[in-house]
C-alpha atoms as a PDB file:
ATOM      1  CA  MET A   1       0.000   0.000   0.000  1.00  0.00           C
ATOM      2  CA  SER A   2       1.459   3.395  -0.961  1.00  0.00           C
ATOM      3  CA  GLU A   3       2.129   6.144   1.545  1.00  0.00           C
ATOM      4  CA  THR A   4      -0.797   8.171   0.181  1.00  0.00           C
ATOM      5  CA  THR A   5      -3.352   5.352   0.154  1.00  0.00           C
ATOM      6  CA  GLN A   6      -5.675   5.449   3.152  1.00  0.00           C
ATOM      7  CA  SER A   7      -7.518   2.189   2.573  1.00  0.00           C
ATOM      8  CA  TYR A   8      -7.808  -0.671   0.119  1.00  0.00           C
ATOM      9  CA  GLY A   9     -11.524   0.076   0.127  1.00  0.00           C
ATOM     10  CA  GLN A  10     -12.670  -3.533   0.284  1.00  0.00           C
ATOM     11  CA  TYR A  11     -15.108  -4.905   2.828  1.00  0.00           C
ATOM     12  CA  CYS A  12     -12.941  -7.877   3.838  1.00  0.00           C
ATOM     13  CA  PRO A  13     -11.137  -8.631   7.132  1.00  0.00           C
ATOM     14  CA  ILE A  14      -7.846  -9.257   5.311  1.00  0.00           C
ATOM     15  CA  SER A  15      -8.169  -5.897   3.546  1.00  0.00           C
ATOM     16  CA  ARG A  16      -8.988  -4.150   6.821  1.00  0.00           C
ATOM     17  CA  ALA A  17      -5.994  -5.773   8.520  1.00  0.00           C
ATOM     18  CA  LEU A  18      -3.683  -4.651   5.710  1.00  0.00           C
ATOM     19  CA  ASP A  19      -5.017  -1.112   6.039  1.00  0.00           C
ATOM     20  CA  VAL A  20      -3.437  -1.183   9.507  1.00  0.00           C
ATOM     21  CA  LEU A  21      -0.387  -3.396   8.936  1.00  0.00           C
ATOM     22  CA  GLY A  22       0.420  -3.292   5.235  1.00  0.00           C
ATOM     23  CA  ASP A  23       2.793  -0.323   5.145  1.00  0.00           C
ATOM     24  CA  ARG A  24       6.565  -0.723   4.885  1.00  0.00           C
ATOM     25  CA  TRP A  25       8.336  -1.161   8.254  1.00  0.00           C
ATOM     26  CA  SER A  26       5.092  -1.748  10.156  1.00  0.00           C
ATOM     27  CA  LEU A  27       5.688  -5.419  10.924  1.00  0.00           C
ATOM     28  CA  LEU A  28       9.322  -4.856  11.874  1.00  0.00           C
ATOM     29  CA  ILE A  29       8.306  -2.150  14.329  1.00  0.00           C
ATOM     30  CA  LEU A  30       5.814  -4.613  15.814  1.00  0.00           C
ATOM     31  CA  ARG A  31       8.540  -7.279  15.913  1.00  0.00           C
ATOM     32  CA  ASP A  32      10.687  -5.033  18.085  1.00  0.00           C
ATOM     33  CA  LEU A  33       7.765  -4.090  20.309  1.00  0.00           C
ATOM     34  CA  PHE A  34       7.051  -7.786  20.837  1.00  0.00           C
ATOM     35  CA  VAL A  35      10.591  -8.519  22.001  1.00  0.00           C
ATOM     36  CA  GLY A  36      10.426  -5.765  24.614  1.00  0.00           C
ATOM     37  CA  THR A  37      11.639  -2.558  22.973  1.00  0.00           C
ATOM     38  CA  THR A  38       9.382   0.248  24.184  1.00  0.00           C
ATOM     39  CA  ARG A  39      11.317   3.551  23.910  1.00  0.00           C
ATOM     40  CA  PHE A  40      11.363   5.616  20.729  1.00  0.00           C
ATOM     41  CA  ASN A  41      15.166   5.972  20.600  1.00  0.00           C
ATOM     42  CA  ASP A  42      15.644   2.236  21.147  1.00  0.00           C
ATOM     43  CA  LEU A  43      13.173   1.419  18.376  1.00  0.00           C
ATOM     44  CA  ALA A  44      15.065   3.796  16.070  1.00  0.00           C
ATOM     45  CA  ARG A  45      18.412   2.189  17.006  1.00  0.00           C
ATOM     46  CA  GLY A  46      17.092  -1.277  16.192  1.00  0.00           C
ATOM     47  CA  LEU A  47      15.698  -0.183  12.793  1.00  0.00           C
ATOM     48  CA  PRO A  48      18.630   1.704  11.249  1.00  0.00           C
ATOM     49  CA  GLY A  49      17.094   1.965   7.773  1.00  0.00           C
ATOM     50  CA  LEU A  50      13.959   3.667   9.084  1.00  0.00           C
ATOM     51  CA  SER A  51      13.863   7.464   9.395  1.00  0.00           C
ATOM     52  CA  ARG A  52      12.770   8.892  12.719  1.00  0.00           C
ATOM     53  CA  SER A  53       9.967  10.844  11.027  1.00  0.00           C
ATOM     54  CA  LEU A  54       8.540   7.689   9.455  1.00  0.00           C
ATOM     55  CA  LEU A  55       8.878   5.804  12.757  1.00  0.00           C
ATOM     56  CA  THR A  56       6.874   8.590  14.419  1.00  0.00           C
ATOM     57  CA  LYS A  57       4.229   8.319  11.695  1.00  0.00           C
ATOM     58  CA  ARG A  58       3.958   4.532  12.055  1.00  0.00           C
ATOM     59  CA  LEU A  59       3.683   4.673  15.847  1.00  0.00           C
ATOM     60  CA  ARG A  60       0.952   7.313  15.660  1.00  0.00           C
ATOM     61  CA  HIS A  61      -0.869   5.123  13.132  1.00  0.00           C
ATOM     62  CA  PHE A  62      -0.634   2.183  15.545  1.00  0.00           C
ATOM     63  CA  GLU A  63      -1.960   4.348  18.366  1.00  0.00           C
ATOM     64  CA  ARG A  64      -4.967   5.429  16.294  1.00  0.00           C
ATOM     65  CA  ALA A  65      -5.594   1.806  15.307  1.00  0.00           C
ATOM     66  CA  GLY A  66      -5.516   0.730  18.954  1.00  0.00           C
ATOM     67  CA  LEU A  67      -2.417  -1.487  18.696  1.00  0.00           C
ATOM     68  CA  VAL A  68      -0.172   0.493  21.048  1.00  0.00           C
ATOM     69  CA  GLU A  69      -0.520   2.976  23.886  1.00  0.00           C
ATOM     70  CA  LYS A  70       2.063   5.599  24.799  1.00  0.00           C
ATOM     71  CA  ILE A  71       2.478   5.707  28.575  1.00  0.00           C
ATOM     72  CA  TYR A  72       5.172   7.949  30.108  1.00  0.00           C
ATOM     73  CA  GLY A  73       7.283   7.707  26.959  1.00  0.00           C
ATOM     74  CA  ASP A  74       6.921   3.932  26.532  1.00  0.00           C
ATOM     75  CA  TYR A  75       5.078   2.405  23.595  1.00  0.00           C
ATOM     76  CA  LEU A  76       3.198  -0.586  24.973  1.00  0.00           C
ATOM     77  CA  LEU A  77       1.169  -3.140  23.048  1.00  0.00           C
ATOM     78  CA  THR A  78      -2.546  -3.256  23.760  1.00  0.00           C
ATOM     79  CA  ASP A  79      -4.599  -6.460  23.770  1.00  0.00           C
ATOM     80  CA  ALA A  80      -5.210  -5.926  20.064  1.00  0.00           C
ATOM     81  CA  GLY A  81      -1.479  -5.513  19.456  1.00  0.00           C
ATOM     82  CA  ARG A  82      -0.522  -8.574  21.474  1.00  0.00           C
ATOM     83  CA  ASP A  83      -3.095 -10.594  19.552  1.00  0.00           C
ATOM     84  CA  LEU A  84      -0.847 -10.247  16.478  1.00  0.00           C
ATOM     85  CA  GLU A  85       1.828 -12.485  18.027  1.00  0.00           C
ATOM     86  CA  THR A  86       0.788 -15.694  16.253  1.00  0.00           C
ATOM     87  CA  ILE A  87       0.560 -13.853  12.927  1.00  0.00           C
ATOM     88  CA  LEU A  88       3.935 -12.164  13.281  1.00  0.00           C
ATOM     89  CA  PHE A  89       5.820 -15.234  14.412  1.00  0.00           C
ATOM     90  CA  GLY A  90       3.895 -17.327  11.901  1.00  0.00           C
ATOM     91  CA  LEU A  91       5.444 -15.132   9.222  1.00  0.00           C
ATOM     92  CA  GLY A  92       8.803 -15.732  10.890  1.00  0.00           C
ATOM     93  CA  ALA A  93       8.299 -19.512  10.760  1.00  0.00           C
ATOM     94  CA  TRP A  94       7.362 -19.323   7.077  1.00  0.00           C
ATOM     95  CA  GLY A  95      10.335 -17.100   6.315  1.00  0.00           C
ATOM     96  CA  ALA A  96      12.703 -19.391   8.224  1.00  0.00           C
ATOM     97  CA  ARG A  97      11.574 -22.362   6.157  1.00  0.00           C
ATOM     98  CA  TRP A  98      11.245 -20.836   2.694  1.00  0.00           C
ATOM     99  CA  THR A  99      13.354 -17.656   2.420  1.00  0.00           C
ATOM    100  CA  PHE A 100      16.115 -17.802   5.024  1.00  0.00           C
ATOM    101  CA  GLY A 101      19.285 -19.061   3.372  1.00  0.00           C
ATOM    102  CA  GLU A 102      22.842 -17.804   3.620  1.00  0.00           C
ATOM    103  CA  PRO A 103      23.127 -14.088   4.500  1.00  0.00           C
ATOM    104  CA  ASP A 104      23.782 -11.469   1.858  1.00  0.00           C
ATOM    105  CA  PRO A 105      26.760  -9.215   2.687  1.00  0.00           C
ATOM    106  CA  GLU A 106      24.556  -6.123   2.861  1.00  0.00           C
ATOM    107  CA  GLU A 107      22.465  -7.789   5.577  1.00  0.00           C
ATOM    108  CA  LEU A 108      25.428  -8.202   7.925  1.00  0.00           C
ATOM    109  CA  ASP A 109      25.333  -5.125  10.151  1.00  0.00           C
ATOM    110  CA  ALA A 110      27.621  -5.589  13.153  1.00  0.00           C
ATOM    111  CA  ASP A 111      26.122  -2.571  14.954  1.00  0.00           C
ATOM    112  CA  LEU A 112      22.616  -3.990  14.679  1.00  0.00           C
ATOM    113  CA  LEU A 113      23.667  -7.478  15.739  1.00  0.00           C
ATOM    114  CA  VAL A 114      25.327  -6.253  18.931  1.00  0.00           C
ATOM    115  CA  TRP A 115      22.307  -4.047  19.634  1.00  0.00           C
ATOM    116  CA  TRP A 116      20.010  -7.056  19.293  1.00  0.00           C
ATOM    117  CA  MET A 117      22.280  -9.173  21.470  1.00  0.00           C
ATOM    118  CA  HIS A 118      22.474  -6.718  24.353  1.00  0.00           C
ATOM    119  CA  THR A 119      18.735  -7.053  25.005  1.00  0.00           C
ATOM    120  CA  ARG A 120      18.891 -10.851  25.272  1.00  0.00           C
ATOM    121  CA  LEU A 121      21.709 -11.541  27.724  1.00  0.00           C
ATOM    122  CA  ASP A 122      21.293 -13.292  31.058  1.00  0.00           C
ATOM    123  CA  THR A 123      24.390 -12.774  33.206  1.00  0.00           C
ATOM    124  CA  SER A 124      22.620 -13.636  36.462  1.00  0.00           C
ATOM    125  CA  SER A 125      25.001 -16.577  36.929  1.00  0.00           C
ATOM    126  CA  PHE A 126      28.002 -14.183  36.887  1.00  0.00           C
ATOM    127  CA  PRO A 127      29.264 -12.681  40.151  1.00  0.00           C
ATOM    128  CA  GLY A 128      28.955  -8.998  41.068  1.00  0.00           C
ATOM    129  CA  ARG A 129      26.554  -6.213  40.160  1.00  0.00           C
ATOM    130  CA  ARG A 130      28.313  -5.352  36.892  1.00  0.00           C
ATOM    131  CA  GLN A 131      29.320  -7.654  34.031  1.00  0.00           C
ATOM    132  CA  VAL A 132      31.141  -6.659  30.857  1.00  0.00           C
ATOM    133  CA  LEU A 133      31.231  -8.611  27.600  1.00  0.00           C
ATOM    134  CA  ALA A 134      33.552  -7.476  24.816  1.00  0.00           C
ATOM    135  CA  VAL A 135      32.667  -8.339  21.218  1.00  0.00           C
ATOM    136  CA  ARG A 136      35.528  -8.591  18.726  1.00  0.00           C
ATOM    137  CA  PHE A 137      34.785  -9.296  15.083  1.00  0.00           C
ATOM    138  CA  THR A 138      37.541 -10.810  12.966  1.00  0.00           C
ATOM    139  CA  ASP A 139      36.246  -9.058   9.831  1.00  0.00           C
ATOM    140  CA  ASP A 140      35.136  -5.680  11.250  1.00  0.00           C
ATOM    141  CA  ILE A 141      37.533  -3.260  12.940  1.00  0.00           C
ATOM    142  CA  ARG A 142      34.864  -1.752  15.190  1.00  0.00           C
ATOM    143  CA  ARG A 143      34.945  -2.775  18.840  1.00  0.00           C
ATOM    144  CA  TYR A 144      31.996  -3.221  21.160  1.00  0.00           C
ATOM    145  CA  TRP A 145      31.425  -3.652  24.863  1.00  0.00           C
ATOM    146  CA  ILE A 146      28.142  -4.725  26.427  1.00  0.00           C
ATOM    147  CA  VAL A 147      27.837  -3.526  30.016  1.00  0.00           C
ATOM    148  CA  ILE A 148      25.222  -5.101  32.287  1.00  0.00           C
ATOM    149  CA  GLU A 149      24.641  -3.352  35.602  1.00  0.00           C
ATOM    150  CA  SER A 150      22.037  -4.778  37.967  1.00  0.00           C
ATOM    151  CA  GLY A 151      20.301  -6.392  35.007  1.00  0.00           C
ATOM    152  CA  ASP A 152      20.251  -3.271  32.786  1.00  0.00           C
ATOM    153  CA  SER A 153      22.414  -3.532  29.674  1.00  0.00           C
ATOM    154  CA  SER A 154      23.952  -0.951  27.359  1.00  0.00           C
ATOM    155  CA  VAL A 155      26.220  -0.989  24.318  1.00  0.00           C
ATOM    156  CA  CYS A 156      29.500   0.974  24.264  1.00  0.00           C
ATOM    157  CA  THR A 157      31.652   1.594  21.198  1.00  0.00           C
ATOM    158  CA  THR A 158      34.475   3.065  23.282  1.00  0.00           C
ATOM    159  CA  ASP A 159      36.154   1.290  26.183  1.00  0.00           C
ATOM    160  CA  PRO A 160      33.980   1.862  29.275  1.00  0.00           C
ATOM    161  CA  GLY A 161      37.016   1.309  31.498  1.00  0.00           C
ATOM    162  CA  TYR A 162      35.672  -1.710  33.373  1.00  0.00           C
ATOM    163  CA  PRO A 163      37.325  -5.149  33.552  1.00  0.00           C
ATOM    164  CA  VAL A 164      36.042  -7.489  30.829  1.00  0.00           C
ATOM    165  CA  ASP A 165      34.538 -10.757  32.038  1.00  0.00           C
ATOM    166  CA  VAL A 166      34.288 -12.532  28.677  1.00  0.00           C
ATOM    167  CA  THR A 167      35.427 -11.609  25.176  1.00  0.00           C
ATOM    168  CA  ILE A 168      33.346 -12.973  22.287  1.00  0.00           C
ATOM    169  CA  THR A 169      35.305 -13.424  19.051  1.00  0.00           C
ATOM    170  CA  ALA A 170      33.687 -14.291  15.715  1.00  0.00           C
ATOM    171  CA  ASP A 171      33.237 -13.138  12.152  1.00  0.00           C
ATOM    172  CA  VAL A 172      30.032 -11.169  11.678  1.00  0.00           C
ATOM    173  CA  ALA A 173      28.241 -13.788   9.562  1.00  0.00           C
ATOM    174  CA  SER A 174      28.956 -16.621  11.999  1.00  0.00           C
ATOM    175  CA  LEU A 175      27.699 -14.702  15.025  1.00  0.00           C
ATOM    176  CA  TYR A 176      24.576 -13.696  13.102  1.00  0.00           C
ATOM    177  CA  GLN A 177      23.894 -17.322  12.185  1.00  0.00           C
ATOM    178  CA  VAL A 178      24.388 -18.488  15.759  1.00  0.00           C
ATOM    179  CA  TRP A 179      22.246 -15.663  17.099  1.00  0.00           C
ATOM    180  CA  LEU A 180      19.412 -16.492  14.699  1.00  0.00           C
ATOM    181  CA  GLY A 181      19.526 -20.247  15.314  1.00  0.00           C
ATOM    182  CA  ARG A 182      20.850 -21.303  11.920  1.00  0.00           C
ATOM    183  CA  VAL A 183      24.159 -22.645  13.319  1.00  0.00           C
ATOM    184  CA  PRO A 184      24.277 -24.291  16.777  1.00  0.00           C
ATOM    185  CA  LEU A 185      26.616 -22.509  19.183  1.00  0.00           C
ATOM    186  CA  ALA A 186      28.415 -25.732  20.101  1.00  0.00           C
ATOM    187  CA  HIS A 187      29.151 -26.419  16.424  1.00  0.00           C
ATOM    188  CA  ALA A 188      30.390 -22.851  15.883  1.00  0.00           C
ATOM    189  CA  GLN A 189      32.735 -23.245  18.855  1.00  0.00           C
ATOM    190  CA  ARG A 190      34.061 -26.631  17.708  1.00  0.00           C
ATOM    191  CA  THR A 191      34.806 -25.267  14.232  1.00  0.00           C
ATOM    192  CA  GLY A 192      36.412 -22.070  15.560  1.00  0.00           C
ATOM    193  CA  ARG A 193      33.777 -19.752  14.103  1.00  0.00           C
ATOM    194  CA  VAL A 194      32.877 -18.387  17.547  1.00  0.00           C
ATOM    195  CA  GLY A 195      35.147 -18.277  20.586  1.00  0.00           C
ATOM    196  CA  PHE A 196      34.968 -17.105  24.200  1.00  0.00           C
ATOM    197  CA  ALA A 197      37.950 -15.881  26.223  1.00  0.00           C
ATOM    198  CA  GLY A 198      37.954 -15.297  29.956  1.00  0.00           C
ATOM    199  CA  LEU A 199      37.825 -17.281  33.165  1.00  0.00           C
ATOM    200  CA  PRO A 200      36.748 -20.855  32.328  1.00  0.00           C
ATOM    201  CA  ALA A 201      34.100 -20.680  35.057  1.00  0.00           C
ATOM    202  CA  LEU A 202      32.512 -17.813  33.103  1.00  0.00           C
ATOM    203  CA  THR A 203      33.077 -18.942  29.514  1.00  0.00           C
ATOM    204  CA  ARG A 204      31.402 -22.268  30.328  1.00  0.00           C
ATOM    205  CA  ARG A 205      28.232 -20.324  31.124  1.00  0.00           C
ATOM    206  CA  MET A 206      28.046 -18.486  27.810  1.00  0.00           C
ATOM    207  CA  SER A 207      25.619 -20.954  26.220  1.00  0.00           C
ATOM    208  CA  SER A 208      23.040 -19.875  28.807  1.00  0.00           C
ATOM    209  CA  VAL A 209      24.107 -16.213  28.838  1.00  0.00           C
ATOM    210  CA  LEU A 210      23.397 -15.879  25.099  1.00  0.00           C
ATOM    211  CA  ARG A 211      19.652 -16.459  25.044  1.00  0.00           C
ATOM    212  CA  LEU A 212      19.596 -15.951  21.258  1.00  0.00           C
ATOM    213  CA  SER A 213      17.004 -14.211  19.130  1.00  0.00           C
ATOM    214  CA  PRO A 214      13.299 -14.840  19.767  1.00  0.00           C
ATOM    215  CA  VAL A 215      13.130 -16.238  16.211  1.00  0.00           C
ATOM    216  CA  ALA A 216      16.044 -18.646  16.721  1.00  0.00           C
ATOM    217  CA  ALA A 217      13.709 -21.487  17.699  1.00  0.00           C
ATOM    218  CA  LEU A 218      11.792 -21.012  14.436  1.00  0.00           C
ATOM    219  CA  THR A 219      15.019 -21.145  12.432  1.00  0.00           C
ATOM    220  CA  GLU A 220      16.208 -24.248  14.298  1.00  0.00           C
ATOM    221  CA  VAL A 221      12.969 -26.077  13.454  1.00  0.00           C
ATOM    222  CA  ALA A 222      13.191 -25.010   9.807  1.00  0.00           C
ATOM    223  CA  THR A 223      16.833 -26.117   9.577  1.00  0.00           C
ATOM    224  CA  VAL A 224      16.038 -29.545  11.028  1.00  0.00           C
ATOM    225  CA  THR A 225      13.140 -29.895   8.579  1.00  0.00           C
ATOM    226  CA  GLU A 226      15.381 -28.893   5.682  1.00  0.00           C
ATOM    227  CA  VAL A 227      17.985 -31.503   6.626  1.00  0.00           C
ATOM    228  CA  ALA A 228      15.318 -34.192   7.078  1.00  0.00           C
ATOM    229  CA  VAL A 229      13.994 -33.498   3.557  1.00  0.00           C
ATOM    230  CA  GLU A 230      17.455 -33.468   1.963  1.00  0.00           C
ATOM    231  CA  GLU A 231      18.722 -36.705   3.545  1.00  0.00           C
ATOM    232  CA  PRO A 232      16.261 -39.090   1.806  1.00  0.00           C
ATOM    233  CA  GLU A 233      17.102 -37.389  -1.500  1.00  0.00           C
ATOM    234  CA  ARG A 234      20.812 -38.125  -0.983  1.00  0.00           C
ATOM    235  CA  ILE A 235      20.054 -41.729  -0.065  1.00  0.00           C
ATOM    236  CA  SER A 236      17.821 -42.281  -3.118  1.00  0.00           C
ATOM    237  CA  ALA A 237      20.435 -40.689  -5.366  1.00  0.00           C
END
């Protein structure tokens, strides 16, 4: 639907739904709201190709449609918004099975990956009130630190000056594929695609610290299905 089109003008529930959800970026904004992003600046950071003016327009559209409410600066899903969960993740399951192959180079944004990761870390098994993870990419010169203080995490692109608990080393594509469930973490470690450096008592916990993307489970299922379909073909050949 174009930016100037107000409605498809058809008396059909699918048409009415697309009047609300059919614009570019709408479903990705909802994706980020579903995984817990509620502040405008955080939504903008997680959608780097989306202008702030268009994000404002989409959020206002969602408010008018009754999908979100703005409360003290937070955009929160309403019952109507939360009811889209099966549709949104159903699209993710379909995409994981039918469209999600090897990444294209232009899809590999190290900034975005680290931003996604910082919201999905559980360092509760680490000692102290502050934990620091450094991320070092073998094919990107930028350096990142994820600082977790009393459960709140932030991303730094300059050294925050705190001791590092664990350093994560990987190429960007490998960490993306682990994060999204396409490559198991244990396999990536065995093959040297992803590594952890630090005290062994901490590095051993990294499989539970990295809780992975909310869509990783969908990708894992699709990958297993893909392998199961391919194996009989190899045998028959």
